[in-house]
Amino acid sequence: MSLNGLDHPTVIEAYQTALTEAGGWFLLRYVSRDEVALLERGTGGVPDVRNAIEGYEETSPLYGFLQYRRRKVVLSYLPDGMSRLLQGARLSSVLRP
């Protein structure tokens, strides 16, 4: 199964911005079974990402990227109400090479 939406211009632009700006980040969410879309992005670092995640009320997971100092961090947020079966299936599809 392939994951659609990763090559969308807004996702690519968010990734490029996160790479070049200090504190850059973005979050992706599922819009369907095999498609992701940009949820939010910014340059405020960890506090901004935390606020964006705290405001997220759906039970679908979030994935993202954060430029923290000189490190690149891949984010994975699995909400409390998410089923264990979905957690394993979604993680394996995202992390599959």
PDB file of N, CA and C in Angstrom:
ATOM      1  N   MET A   1       0.844  -1.171   0.000  1.00  0.00           N
ATOM      2  CA  MET A   1       0.000   0.000   0.000  1.00  0.00           C
ATOM      3  C   MET A   1       0.892   1.237   0.000  1.00  0.00           C
ATOM      4  N   SER A   2       0.550   2.183  -0.839  1.00  0.00           N
ATOM      5  CA  SER A   2       1.307   3.434  -0.876  1.00  0.00           C
ATOM      6  C   SER A   2       0.558   4.505  -0.087  1.00  0.00           C
ATOM      7  N   LEU A   3       1.289   5.507   0.305  1.00  0.00           N
ATOM      8  CA  LEU A   3       0.718   6.598   1.084  1.00  0.00           C
ATOM      9  C   LEU A   3       0.676   7.838   0.203  1.00  0.00           C
ATOM     10  N   ASN A   4      -0.511   8.263  -0.153  1.00  0.00           N
ATOM     11  CA  ASN A   4      -0.698   9.413  -1.034  1.00  0.00           C
ATOM     12  C   ASN A   4      -0.634  10.716  -0.242  1.00  0.00           C
ATOM     13  N   GLY A   5      -0.253  11.768  -0.909  1.00  0.00           N
ATOM     14  CA  GLY A   5      -0.237  13.090  -0.297  1.00  0.00           C
ATOM     15  C   GLY A   5       1.139  13.578   0.102  1.00  0.00           C
ATOM     16  N   LEU A   6       2.111  12.671   0.182  1.00  0.00           N
ATOM     17  CA  LEU A   6       3.451  13.095   0.580  1.00  0.00           C
ATOM     18  C   LEU A   6       4.128  13.956  -0.479  1.00  0.00           C
ATOM     19  N   ASP A   7       3.683  13.822  -1.721  1.00  0.00           N
ATOM     20  CA  ASP A   7       4.276  14.611  -2.799  1.00  0.00           C
ATOM     21  C   ASP A   7       3.453  15.860  -3.138  1.00  0.00           C
ATOM     22  N   HIS A   8       2.472  16.178  -2.300  1.00  0.00           N
ATOM     23  CA  HIS A   8       1.653  17.370  -2.518  1.00  0.00           C
ATOM     24  C   HIS A   8       2.522  18.617  -2.304  1.00  0.00           C
ATOM     25  N   PRO A   9       2.344  19.650  -3.117  1.00  0.00           N
ATOM     26  CA  PRO A   9       3.183  20.859  -3.002  1.00  0.00           C
ATOM     27  C   PRO A   9       3.192  21.494  -1.610  1.00  0.00           C
ATOM     28  N   THR A  10       2.069  21.479  -0.892  1.00  0.00           N
ATOM     29  CA  THR A  10       2.061  22.093   0.446  1.00  0.00           C
ATOM     30  C   THR A  10       2.915  21.297   1.429  1.00  0.00           C
ATOM     31  N   VAL A  11       2.919  19.971   1.293  1.00  0.00           N
ATOM     32  CA  VAL A  11       3.736  19.127   2.174  1.00  0.00           C
ATOM     33  C   VAL A  11       5.215  19.330   1.849  1.00  0.00           C
ATOM     34  N   ILE A  12       5.542  19.362   0.580  1.00  0.00           N
ATOM     35  CA  ILE A  12       6.937  19.569   0.168  1.00  0.00           C
ATOM     36  C   ILE A  12       7.432  20.940   0.627  1.00  0.00           C
ATOM     37  N   GLU A  13       6.597  21.963   0.466  1.00  0.00           N
ATOM     38  CA  GLU A  13       6.976  23.312   0.904  1.00  0.00           C
ATOM     39  C   GLU A  13       7.167  23.366   2.418  1.00  0.00           C
ATOM     40  N   ALA A  14       6.282  22.722   3.173  1.00  0.00           N
ATOM     41  CA  ALA A  14       6.407  22.689   4.633  1.00  0.00           C
ATOM     42  C   ALA A  14       7.699  21.998   5.053  1.00  0.00           C
ATOM     43  N   TYR A  15       8.044  20.920   4.365  1.00  0.00           N
ATOM     44  CA  TYR A  15       9.282  20.200   4.669  1.00  0.00           C
ATOM     45  C   TYR A  15      10.501  21.071   4.375  1.00  0.00           C
ATOM     46  N   GLN A  16      10.514  21.716   3.228  1.00  0.00           N
ATOM     47  CA  GLN A  16      11.644  22.577   2.864  1.00  0.00           C
ATOM     48  C   GLN A  16      11.788  23.744   3.845  1.00  0.00           C
ATOM     49  N   THR A  17      10.677  24.324   4.251  1.00  0.00           N
ATOM     50  CA  THR A  17      10.710  25.424   5.218  1.00  0.00           C
ATOM     51  C   THR A  17      11.220  24.942   6.566  1.00  0.00           C
ATOM     52  N   ALA A  18      10.755  23.771   7.005  1.00  0.00           N
ATOM     53  CA  ALA A  18      11.195  23.217   8.285  1.00  0.00           C
ATOM     54  C   ALA A  18      12.694  22.929   8.277  1.00  0.00           C
ATOM     55  N   LEU A  19      13.226  22.534   7.136  1.00  0.00           N
ATOM     56  CA  LEU A  19      14.664  22.260   7.031  1.00  0.00           C
ATOM     57  C   LEU A  19      15.506  23.528   7.091  1.00  0.00           C
ATOM     58  N   THR A  20      14.998  24.610   6.545  1.00  0.00           N
ATOM     59  CA  THR A  20      15.817  25.817   6.410  1.00  0.00           C
ATOM     60  C   THR A  20      15.646  26.830   7.541  1.00  0.00           C
ATOM     61  N   GLU A  21      14.541  26.780   8.273  1.00  0.00           N
ATOM     62  CA  GLU A  21      14.302  27.770   9.321  1.00  0.00           C
ATOM     63  C   GLU A  21      14.480  27.156  10.701  1.00  0.00           C
ATOM     64  N   ALA A  22      15.108  27.901  11.592  1.00  0.00           N
ATOM     65  CA  ALA A  22      15.297  27.432  12.962  1.00  0.00           C
ATOM     66  C   ALA A  22      13.941  27.208  13.625  1.00  0.00           C
ATOM     67  N   GLY A  23      13.778  26.079  14.281  1.00  0.00           N
ATOM     68  CA  GLY A  23      12.517  25.760  14.945  1.00  0.00           C
ATOM     69  C   GLY A  23      11.412  25.366  13.994  1.00  0.00           C
ATOM     70  N   GLY A  24      11.759  25.059  12.745  1.00  0.00           N
ATOM     71  CA  GLY A  24      10.752  24.687  11.755  1.00  0.00           C
ATOM     72  C   GLY A  24      10.136  23.329  12.038  1.00  0.00           C
ATOM     73  N   TRP A  25       8.849  23.204  11.772  1.00  0.00           N
ATOM     74  CA  TRP A  25       8.137  21.946  12.011  1.00  0.00           C
ATOM     75  C   TRP A  25       6.898  21.876  11.137  1.00  0.00           C
ATOM     76  N   PHE A  26       6.365  20.655  11.010  1.00  0.00           N
ATOM     77  CA  PHE A  26       5.059  20.463  10.382  1.00  0.00           C
ATOM     78  C   PHE A  26       4.454  19.164  10.885  1.00  0.00           C
ATOM     79  N   LEU A  27       3.122  19.076  10.811  1.00  0.00           N
ATOM     80  CA  LEU A  27       2.382  17.880  11.213  1.00  0.00           C
ATOM     81  C   LEU A  27       1.498  17.416  10.066  1.00  0.00           C
ATOM     82  N   LEU A  28       1.452  16.104   9.871  1.00  0.00           N
ATOM     83  CA  LEU A  28       0.590  15.492   8.866  1.00  0.00           C
ATOM     84  C   LEU A  28      -0.497  14.696   9.564  1.00  0.00           C
ATOM     85  N   ARG A  29      -1.678  14.662   8.960  1.00  0.00           N
ATOM     86  CA  ARG A  29      -2.781  13.859   9.489  1.00  0.00           C
ATOM     87  C   ARG A  29      -3.364  13.026   8.359  1.00  0.00           C
ATOM     88  N   TYR A  30      -4.031  11.951   8.725  1.00  0.00           N
ATOM     89  CA  TYR A  30      -4.709  11.123   7.729  1.00  0.00           C
ATOM     90  C   TYR A  30      -6.019  11.782   7.318  1.00  0.00           C
ATOM     91  N   VAL A  31      -6.285  11.829   6.015  1.00  0.00           N
ATOM     92  CA  VAL A  31      -7.574  12.304   5.513  1.00  0.00           C
ATOM     93  C   VAL A  31      -8.398  11.139   4.984  1.00  0.00           C
ATOM     94  N   SER A  32      -7.746  10.036   4.699  1.00  0.00           N
ATOM     95  CA  SER A  32      -8.418   8.790   4.330  1.00  0.00           C
ATOM     96  C   SER A  32      -7.469   7.649   4.687  1.00  0.00           C
ATOM     97  N   ARG A  33      -7.876   6.451   4.355  1.00  0.00           N
ATOM     98  CA  ARG A  33      -7.103   5.265   4.733  1.00  0.00           C
ATOM     99  C   ARG A  33      -5.657   5.301   4.235  1.00  0.00           C
ATOM    100  N   ASP A  34      -5.438   5.847   3.053  1.00  0.00           N
ATOM    101  CA  ASP A  34      -4.097   5.839   2.474  1.00  0.00           C
ATOM    102  C   ASP A  34      -3.646   7.214   1.978  1.00  0.00           C
ATOM    103  N   GLU A  35      -4.164   8.266   2.601  1.00  0.00           N
ATOM    104  CA  GLU A  35      -3.787   9.619   2.181  1.00  0.00           C
ATOM    105  C   GLU A  35      -3.563  10.518   3.390  1.00  0.00           C
ATOM    106  N   VAL A  36      -2.472  11.274   3.346  1.00  0.00           N
ATOM    107  CA  VAL A  36      -2.174  12.237   4.403  1.00  0.00           C
ATOM    108  C   VAL A  36      -2.212  13.647   3.831  1.00  0.00           C
ATOM    109  N   ALA A  37      -2.393  14.608   4.726  1.00  0.00           N
ATOM    110  CA  ALA A  37      -2.406  16.019   4.332  1.00  0.00           C
ATOM    111  C   ALA A  37      -1.759  16.838   5.443  1.00  0.00           C
ATOM    112  N   LEU A  38      -1.305  18.012   5.092  1.00  0.00           N
ATOM    113  CA  LEU A  38      -0.693  18.916   6.051  1.00  0.00           C
ATOM    114  C   LEU A  38      -1.757  19.408   7.031  1.00  0.00           C
ATOM    115  N   LEU A  39      -1.492  19.243   8.323  1.00  0.00           N
ATOM    116  CA  LEU A  39      -2.398  19.749   9.355  1.00  0.00           C
ATOM    117  C   LEU A  39      -1.983  21.164   9.747  1.00  0.00           C
ATOM    118  N   GLU A  40      -0.737  21.309  10.186  1.00  0.00           N
ATOM    119  CA  GLU A  40      -0.212  22.616  10.587  1.00  0.00           C
ATOM    120  C   GLU A  40       1.284  22.641  10.361  1.00  0.00           C
ATOM    121  N   ARG A  41       1.820  23.858  10.343  1.00  0.00           N
ATOM    122  CA  ARG A  41       3.266  24.021  10.259  1.00  0.00           C
ATOM    123  C   ARG A  41       3.647  25.329  10.923  1.00  0.00           C
ATOM    124  N   GLY A  42       4.927  25.480  11.236  1.00  0.00           N
ATOM    125  CA  GLY A  42       5.366  26.707  11.871  1.00  0.00           C
ATOM    126  C   GLY A  42       6.860  26.738  12.064  1.00  0.00           C
ATOM    127  N   THR A  43       7.318  27.779  12.758  1.00  0.00           N
ATOM    128  CA  THR A  43       8.745  27.937  13.026  1.00  0.00           C
ATOM    129  C   THR A  43       9.002  28.242  14.495  1.00  0.00           C
ATOM    130  N   GLY A  44       8.036  27.946  15.351  1.00  0.00           N
ATOM    131  CA  GLY A  44       8.165  28.244  16.775  1.00  0.00           C
ATOM    132  C   GLY A  44       8.754  27.132  17.611  1.00  0.00           C
ATOM    133  N   GLY A  45       9.224  26.066  16.985  1.00  0.00           N
ATOM    134  CA  GLY A  45       9.882  24.988  17.707  1.00  0.00           C
ATOM    135  C   GLY A  45       8.936  24.143  18.542  1.00  0.00           C
ATOM    136  N   VAL A  46       9.496  23.552  19.595  1.00  0.00           N
ATOM    137  CA  VAL A  46       8.764  22.599  20.434  1.00  0.00           C
ATOM    138  C   VAL A  46       7.486  23.187  21.036  1.00  0.00           C
ATOM    139  N   PRO A  47       7.492  24.411  21.580  1.00  0.00           N
ATOM    140  CA  PRO A  47       6.241  24.943  22.145  1.00  0.00           C
ATOM    141  C   PRO A  47       5.103  25.017  21.123  1.00  0.00           C
ATOM    142  N   ASP A  48       5.422  25.416  19.902  1.00  0.00           N
ATOM    143  CA  ASP A  48       4.405  25.485  18.844  1.00  0.00           C
ATOM    144  C   ASP A  48       3.848  24.107  18.507  1.00  0.00           C
ATOM    145  N   VAL A  49       4.740  23.122  18.370  1.00  0.00           N
ATOM    146  CA  VAL A  49       4.296  21.757  18.054  1.00  0.00           C
ATOM    147  C   VAL A  49       3.406  21.233  19.172  1.00  0.00           C
ATOM    148  N   ARG A  50       3.821  21.447  20.411  1.00  0.00           N
ATOM    149  CA  ARG A  50       3.041  20.986  21.564  1.00  0.00           C
ATOM    150  C   ARG A  50       1.642  21.601  21.553  1.00  0.00           C
ATOM    151  N   ASN A  51       1.545  22.888  21.280  1.00  0.00           N
ATOM    152  CA  ASN A  51       0.239  23.549  21.228  1.00  0.00           C
ATOM    153  C   ASN A  51      -0.625  22.993  20.103  1.00  0.00           C
ATOM    154  N   ALA A  52      -0.019  22.727  18.960  1.00  0.00           N
ATOM    155  CA  ALA A  52      -0.769  22.173  17.827  1.00  0.00           C
ATOM    156  C   ALA A  52      -1.306  20.787  18.165  1.00  0.00           C
ATOM    157  N   ILE A  53      -0.493  19.971  18.824  1.00  0.00           N
ATOM    158  CA  ILE A  53      -0.925  18.616  19.189  1.00  0.00           C
ATOM    159  C   ILE A  53      -1.995  18.670  20.272  1.00  0.00           C
ATOM    160  N   GLU A  54      -1.840  19.560  21.248  1.00  0.00           N
ATOM    161  CA  GLU A  54      -2.843  19.683  22.311  1.00  0.00           C
ATOM    162  C   GLU A  54      -4.194  20.113  21.765  1.00  0.00           C
ATOM    163  N   GLY A  55      -4.209  20.877  20.687  1.00  0.00           N
ATOM    164  CA  GLY A  55      -5.461  21.321  20.083  1.00  0.00           C
ATOM    165  C   GLY A  55      -6.088  20.304  19.147  1.00  0.00           C
ATOM    166  N   TYR A  56      -5.419  19.189  18.919  1.00  0.00           N
ATOM    167  CA  TYR A  56      -5.896  18.154  17.996  1.00  0.00           C
ATOM    168  C   TYR A  56      -6.862  17.240  18.736  1.00  0.00           C
ATOM    169  N   GLU A  57      -8.092  17.100  18.245  1.00  0.00           N
ATOM    170  CA  GLU A  57      -9.116  16.346  18.968  1.00  0.00           C
ATOM    171  C   GLU A  57      -9.555  15.070  18.281  1.00  0.00           C
ATOM    172  N   GLU A  58      -9.023  14.755  17.109  1.00  0.00           N
ATOM    173  CA  GLU A  58      -9.418  13.533  16.409  1.00  0.00           C
ATOM    174  C   GLU A  58      -8.680  12.334  17.000  1.00  0.00           C
ATOM    175  N   THR A  59      -9.140  11.117  16.641  1.00  0.00           N
ATOM    176  CA  THR A  59      -8.493   9.908  17.154  1.00  0.00           C
ATOM    177  C   THR A  59      -7.530   9.298  16.141  1.00  0.00           C
ATOM    178  N   SER A  60      -7.272   9.986  15.064  1.00  0.00           N
ATOM    179  CA  SER A  60      -6.326   9.529  14.050  1.00  0.00           C
ATOM    180  C   SER A  60      -4.916  10.003  14.430  1.00  0.00           C
ATOM    181  N   PRO A  61      -3.882   9.227  14.113  1.00  0.00           N
ATOM    182  CA  PRO A  61      -2.522   9.618  14.501  1.00  0.00           C
ATOM    183  C   PRO A  61      -2.006  10.814  13.705  1.00  0.00           C
ATOM    184  N   LEU A  62      -1.004  11.457  14.273  1.00  0.00           N
ATOM    185  CA  LEU A  62      -0.304  12.549  13.601  1.00  0.00           C
ATOM    186  C   LEU A  62       1.153  12.147  13.409  1.00  0.00           C
ATOM    187  N   TYR A  63       1.717  12.573  12.304  1.00  0.00           N
ATOM    188  CA  TYR A  63       3.134  12.359  12.042  1.00  0.00           C
ATOM    189  C   TYR A  63       3.718  13.688  11.621  1.00  0.00           C
ATOM    190  N   GLY A  64       4.972  13.905  11.941  1.00  0.00           N
ATOM    191  CA  GLY A  64       5.543  15.186  11.590  1.00  0.00           C
ATOM    192  C   GLY A  64       7.047  15.215  11.633  1.00  0.00           C
ATOM    193  N   PHE A  65       7.552  16.420  11.533  1.00  0.00           N
ATOM    194  CA  PHE A  65       8.988  16.668  11.471  1.00  0.00           C
ATOM    195  C   PHE A  65       9.276  17.940  12.246  1.00  0.00           C
ATOM    196  N   LEU A  66      10.398  17.932  12.969  1.00  0.00           N
ATOM    197  CA  LEU A  66      10.808  19.092  13.756  1.00  0.00           C
ATOM    198  C   LEU A  66      12.311  19.271  13.624  1.00  0.00           C
ATOM    199  N   GLN A  67      12.732  20.489  13.320  1.00  0.00           N
ATOM    200  CA  GLN A  67      14.156  20.826  13.309  1.00  0.00           C
ATOM    201  C   GLN A  67      14.460  21.366  14.699  1.00  0.00           C
ATOM    202  N   TYR A  68      15.165  20.577  15.522  1.00  0.00           N
ATOM    203  CA  TYR A  68      15.470  20.971  16.899  1.00  0.00           C
ATOM    204  C   TYR A  68      16.974  21.176  17.024  1.00  0.00           C
ATOM    205  N   ARG A  69      17.369  22.413  17.190  1.00  0.00           N
ATOM    206  CA  ARG A  69      18.779  22.803  17.156  1.00  0.00           C
ATOM    207  C   ARG A  69      19.372  22.313  15.849  1.00  0.00           C
ATOM    208  N   ARG A  70      20.344  21.422  15.879  1.00  0.00           N
ATOM    209  CA  ARG A  70      20.885  20.902  14.620  1.00  0.00           C
ATOM    210  C   ARG A  70      20.381  19.503  14.321  1.00  0.00           C
ATOM    211  N   ARG A  71      19.382  19.043  15.061  1.00  0.00           N
ATOM    212  CA  ARG A  71      18.867  17.699  14.875  1.00  0.00           C
ATOM    213  C   ARG A  71      17.537  17.724  14.129  1.00  0.00           C
ATOM    214  N   LYS A  72      17.334  16.669  13.378  1.00  0.00           N
ATOM    215  CA  LYS A  72      16.067  16.493  12.664  1.00  0.00           C
ATOM    216  C   LYS A  72      15.297  15.394  13.384  1.00  0.00           C
ATOM    217  N   VAL A  73      14.092  15.699  13.836  1.00  0.00           N
ATOM    218  CA  VAL A  73      13.306  14.779  14.655  1.00  0.00           C
ATOM    219  C   VAL A  73      12.028  14.403  13.912  1.00  0.00           C
ATOM    220  N   VAL A  74      11.766  13.099  13.796  1.00  0.00           N
ATOM    221  CA  VAL A  74      10.515  12.612  13.214  1.00  0.00           C
ATOM    222  C   VAL A  74       9.533  12.419  14.362  1.00  0.00           C
ATOM    223  N   LEU A  75       8.340  12.985  14.226  1.00  0.00           N
ATOM    224  CA  LEU A  75       7.330  12.942  15.282  1.00  0.00           C
ATOM    225  C   LEU A  75       6.241  11.929  14.957  1.00  0.00           C
ATOM    226  N   SER A  76       5.758  11.266  15.992  1.00  0.00           N
ATOM    227  CA  SER A  76       4.636  10.340  15.870  1.00  0.00           C
ATOM    228  C   SER A  76       3.759  10.522  17.099  1.00  0.00           C
ATOM    229  N   TYR A  77       2.510  10.929  16.898  1.00  0.00           N
ATOM    230  CA  TYR A  77       1.579  11.133  18.004  1.00  0.00           C
ATOM    231  C   TYR A  77       0.394  10.201  17.820  1.00  0.00           C
ATOM    232  N   LEU A  78       0.178   9.328  18.802  1.00  0.00           N
ATOM    233  CA  LEU A  78      -0.938   8.388  18.778  1.00  0.00           C
ATOM    234  C   LEU A  78      -1.903   8.763  19.895  1.00  0.00           C
ATOM    235  N   PRO A  79      -3.074   9.311  19.565  1.00  0.00           N
ATOM    236  CA  PRO A  79      -4.034   9.756  20.582  1.00  0.00           C
ATOM    237  C   PRO A  79      -4.502   8.610  21.479  1.00  0.00           C
ATOM    238  N   ASP A  80      -4.955   8.960  22.674  1.00  0.00           N
ATOM    239  CA  ASP A  80      -5.408   7.968  23.649  1.00  0.00           C
ATOM    240  C   ASP A  80      -6.548   7.102  23.142  1.00  0.00           C
ATOM    241  N   GLY A  81      -7.488   7.658  22.409  1.00  0.00           N
ATOM    242  CA  GLY A  81      -8.661   6.906  21.979  1.00  0.00           C
ATOM    243  C   GLY A  81      -8.448   6.025  20.763  1.00  0.00           C
ATOM    244  N   MET A  82      -7.241   5.924  20.273  1.00  0.00           N
ATOM    245  CA  MET A  82      -6.966   5.164  19.054  1.00  0.00           C
ATOM    246  C   MET A  82      -6.848   3.674  19.354  1.00  0.00           C
ATOM    247  N   SER A  83      -7.444   2.833  18.496  1.00  0.00           N
ATOM    248  CA  SER A  83      -7.403   1.390  18.731  1.00  0.00           C
ATOM    249  C   SER A  83      -5.997   0.846  18.512  1.00  0.00           C
ATOM    250  N   ARG A  84      -5.641  -0.193  19.263  1.00  0.00           N
ATOM    251  CA  ARG A  84      -4.315  -0.813  19.157  1.00  0.00           C
ATOM    252  C   ARG A  84      -4.089  -1.407  17.772  1.00  0.00           C
ATOM    253  N   LEU A  85      -5.129  -1.979  17.188  1.00  0.00           N
ATOM    254  CA  LEU A  85      -5.012  -2.575  15.861  1.00  0.00           C
ATOM    255  C   LEU A  85      -4.641  -1.511  14.827  1.00  0.00           C
ATOM    256  N   LEU A  86      -5.310  -0.369  14.904  1.00  0.00           N
ATOM    257  CA  LEU A  86      -4.996   0.730  13.986  1.00  0.00           C
ATOM    258  C   LEU A  86      -3.597   1.277  14.217  1.00  0.00           C
ATOM    259  N   GLN A  87      -3.165   1.319  15.473  1.00  0.00           N
ATOM    260  CA  GLN A  87      -1.830   1.827  15.769  1.00  0.00           C
ATOM    261  C   GLN A  87      -0.774   1.028  15.028  1.00  0.00           C
ATOM    262  N   GLY A  88      -0.839  -0.289  15.118  1.00  0.00           N
ATOM    263  CA  GLY A  88       0.140  -1.144  14.456  1.00  0.00           C
ATOM    264  C   GLY A  88       0.078  -1.036  12.950  1.00  0.00           C
ATOM    265  N   ALA A  89      -1.130  -1.018  12.394  1.00  0.00           N
ATOM    266  CA  ALA A  89      -1.292  -0.954  10.942  1.00  0.00           C
ATOM    267  C   ALA A  89      -0.806   0.378  10.386  1.00  0.00           C
ATOM    268  N   ARG A  90      -1.146   1.471  11.032  1.00  0.00           N
ATOM    269  CA  ARG A  90      -0.749   2.787  10.534  1.00  0.00           C
ATOM    270  C   ARG A  90       0.757   2.981  10.662  1.00  0.00           C
ATOM    271  N   LEU A  91       1.324   2.568  11.786  1.00  0.00           N
ATOM    272  CA  LEU A  91       2.761   2.727  11.963  1.00  0.00           C
ATOM    273  C   LEU A  91       3.540   1.923  10.942  1.00  0.00           C
ATOM    274  N   SER A  92       3.107   0.691  10.685  1.00  0.00           N
ATOM    275  CA  SER A  92       3.852  -0.134   9.737  1.00  0.00           C
ATOM    276  C   SER A  92       3.748   0.421   8.322  1.00  0.00           C
ATOM    277  N   SER A  93       2.617   1.032   7.966  1.00  0.00           N
ATOM    278  CA  SER A  93       2.500   1.585   6.609  1.00  0.00           C
ATOM    279  C   SER A  93       3.319   2.859   6.448  1.00  0.00           C
ATOM    280  N   VAL A  94       3.456   3.649   7.506  1.00  0.00           N
ATOM    281  CA  VAL A  94       4.229   4.882   7.420  1.00  0.00           C
ATOM    282  C   VAL A  94       5.726   4.588   7.441  1.00  0.00           C
ATOM    283  N   LEU A  95       6.141   3.638   8.253  1.00  0.00           N
ATOM    284  CA  LEU A  95       7.565   3.378   8.417  1.00  0.00           C
ATOM    285  C   LEU A  95       8.117   2.376   7.423  1.00  0.00           C
ATOM    286  N   ARG A  96       7.287   1.813   6.576  1.00  0.00           N
ATOM    287  CA  ARG A  96       7.746   0.841   5.580  1.00  0.00           C
ATOM    288  C   ARG A  96       8.593   1.546   4.523  1.00  0.00           C
ATOM    289  N   PRO A  97       9.783   0.982   4.202  1.00  0.00           N
ATOM    290  CA  PRO A  97      10.642   1.626   3.194  1.00  0.00           C
ATOM    291  C   PRO A  97      10.078   1.521   1.799  1.00  0.00           C
TER     292      PRO A  97
END
